[in-house]
Amino acid sequence: MRNGVGSVRGRSLRSAVVATALAAGVTLAWMAAPAAAAPASGPVQIEVLGNRADLVSDGDALVEVVRPTGTNPDSVRVELNGEDVADEFAVRSDGRFLAVLELDDGDNEITAAVQQQTAKLTITNHSKSGPIFSGPHLKPWLCTTQTAGNGLGPTEDEECNAPTRIDLLYQPQGGGALQPYDPENPPANVGTTTTDEGEEVPFVVRRERGTMNRGIYEFSVLFDPDEGTAAWDPPPAWTGKVVWPFGAAAGTVHSQGTALNTVTGSNLTRLGEGFMVATHSLNQHNSNLNTVVSAESTMMLKEHITEDFGEMRYVIGQGGSGGSIQQQLVANGYPGLLDGIMPGQSFPDTWTTGTEVTNCILLNGYFAANAALWPSAVRNQATGHQGTTSCTFWQIAFQGPTLPSQGCGLPPGTEPDPNTMYHPVNNPIGVRCTAQDYMVNIWGRRDEDGFAKRAGSNIGLQYALKGLLNGDVSPEQFVDLNEEIGSLNIDGVRVPGTRFPSDPGATQIAYRTGRVNDAAHLDRVPMIDLRPSENNGIHTNFHSWEMKERLEAANGDADNHVVFFSPGGLPAAATSEAFELMDEWLAGIEADDSGASLEDRVVDNKPAGAQDACFIGGVKITDQEQCLQQAPFFGAPTIAAGGELKNDSIECQLKPLEQSDYPDGTFTPEQWERMEAAFPEGVCDFSKPARDQETSIPWMSFADGPGGEPLGDAPQSVPGCVGNSQGKGDTAPGGCPGGKP
């Protein structure tokens, strides 16, 4: 024990955790009673709280038996895999009949009987180490618990599991960073905080760090050691609300990484207000750009927290840049994991952002070789950006995910070795580090070389088309650019003059699985986009309006989407206001008992202050014409090539190359011959959807192979039967022996 802290092994050895915590003078709540419901008037039902019944992990589940009104709890019979577990259940402080049940690996059948009414449900338990729906684990995988600076120590197995660690911390009187709290020798200078529900409590925080899904999680919450927490009751100061930070940048690192610190900066402010702050190392886009794995890790950690502290009221996602990608892809692809999101410096997804990076790499290479023909002053006509620097910064910062020999975090491949990084000559069997290879479970493999399939092509893309049509680009500049631009081969090397197609089936996978974020399911979450104006960097302003366009295209409006933006940095007052609005918005949705759809409740409960606004000189302005004069937005290479603002085309449908599509006399006969050679298959037709574009399907699983299959509806309990006093017996048609329910 160090600083009053125990190092424990996880829920499978729960008694060890309890012993450690009690030795520290702390009472742990393994599961808090969720807010809600009195016994129902309908038939008996079984519900798993905190997750779908088919996606449970780590050997236990929080289960509720919903009893008909007036039922004596002593009359309820419950069996798990044929064994009587009724004694595990009790009526909790809110009237719900709950238990945390220990599960076998795989399928577990639970049955409940109240007089003549019965129900049954299959609960499927998966390993704490995963995977559940993300597909087979990537290998090799480096464990970092001993080096991540989180005090977890060395791992105990090949899945990077390490003992769970619980720390108590406090904020001194007068504020400042949290300090270790020793319950055996409590400090005399413990400060207090007032939650947003008006509760004044000691500013003492319980921080838990542990491992799951081959990553590292961390969550923190106000915790009063003097009061402790009784079983089935949450820490009194926790409001039931959660902030979930997501990390920035983008990477393909083969390691579990480390979670963001949940007790510093704005997270410390939220803790003092009564929020829990929770996150996972695989929510960090800088090391894990596979947002399916991020969603899976979020789901698993939410379940763990629910089983130990009770149901969450709502979860607010936060994070900028790559963190915005994580939020928007998780919320669209796996609805229900996040209840509201606050993306900063926003990008809608990894794949269309990656298309912008790829086009910038191509344009940078072309411009370097043709500086005289394409002076700096006109290059923005091809990049779509305000100036020349954005593409330069894109290549410097994020060329890595296009290159197979950079970014894995593994040793370089100097000889054939499958556990080191790929090299096309020295180590062709090594680990490839590109974005698609990191997500090979989604894309599948190419027949010709076994590398991951790649989605996206610039075949038919007329770079700088808008500049040609508006007279800012000469015909010779336009023709030369498009005949020489080329594309990147499978190893990320620019091949001038050659454009490569997508691998078969990959573009359909991109749209079907939501790798291109179509926003089709984002109307279920309030969105407040925080945008400091940065048109000469990589976080160019148009990406916020790109998402707004996608929402309108998919759902008919973007009423759930708000942008707060500002020339330069966004003022602290604006971000604070945005968070308060998000909290108000979600509380309104939570309290709405109208019976309307979630999509309608999101719009109906939108606060008055939640509208597009810019902040200039400390003043909030909602006049968008005035705002966009101060902080305009531009575009990207695909938009400059004739694409739409929603920018969701990674491979266009083609139409014939026709001289009538250009002003009379645009091209000389010689230039037109070169155009025909540059576009032998035709040019992009942006009046049509992208090639193989279809609406994304939520809750996709890749457990059975690339391309994915939808999980479908979550399992629900069905009428069952308990055949005798021990609850055993065969089920016949109708639900019970003899066919009677």
Foldseek 3Di string as FASTA:
>chain_A
DPLLKDWAADDVVVVVVQVSQVVLLFHFALAAAADDDAAAQDFKFKDWPLAFLAQAEDFKTKMWTRHHPPADLVQKWKDKQLFTDSVQWDQDPNRTTIGIDGDDAAWIKMKMDGPPFIWIDIGHYDYQQDDRFQADDDPDADACPCPQPPPQHAADDSSNWTTKMKFKWAAFPPGDATDGARSVDGDPGFHWFAALVGDIDTRMKIKMWTDGNSAIKIKMAGAHSVVHADYNHARVLAPLEEEEEAAADAFLARYRHHWDDQCDDVSVVNRRNRYMYIYISCSHRNHHQPLVSRLSVLSNVSRSCNSRGNHGLFYEYEYEHSSQQSVLLSCQFAPPSHFAYEYELHFNFDPLLVLLLFLLVLLVVVCVVVCVQPPQVLSCLQFFFPGDQASVQSCVRPLQQQAFQDGHNFAGQQAADQNGTDDVPHHPNYGGTHPQQSSQLAQPADPPRRGGWDAFWCAQQQGSPLCLQVVNHALVRRLVCLQFSAGADSRRDGDTRHIDHTGPPRNLSCQASCSLPLCLRVLLHQYEYEYEDDRNHNSFDLSLVLVQVSNCVNPVGSLSYEYEYEHGHADPVVVVVVVVQRVQLSVQLSPDPPPDDSSVSSNVSRDPVRHYWYADPNDTGRPVVVVCVRRNGTAGSSVSSVADSNSRARAADFDADDPVVHPPPRDDPVSVVSVCSSNVPGHGDNVDDGPSHDHYDHQFGSHPGHSTDHPPDRDIMDTAFQADPSRDDDADCCHRPVNPD
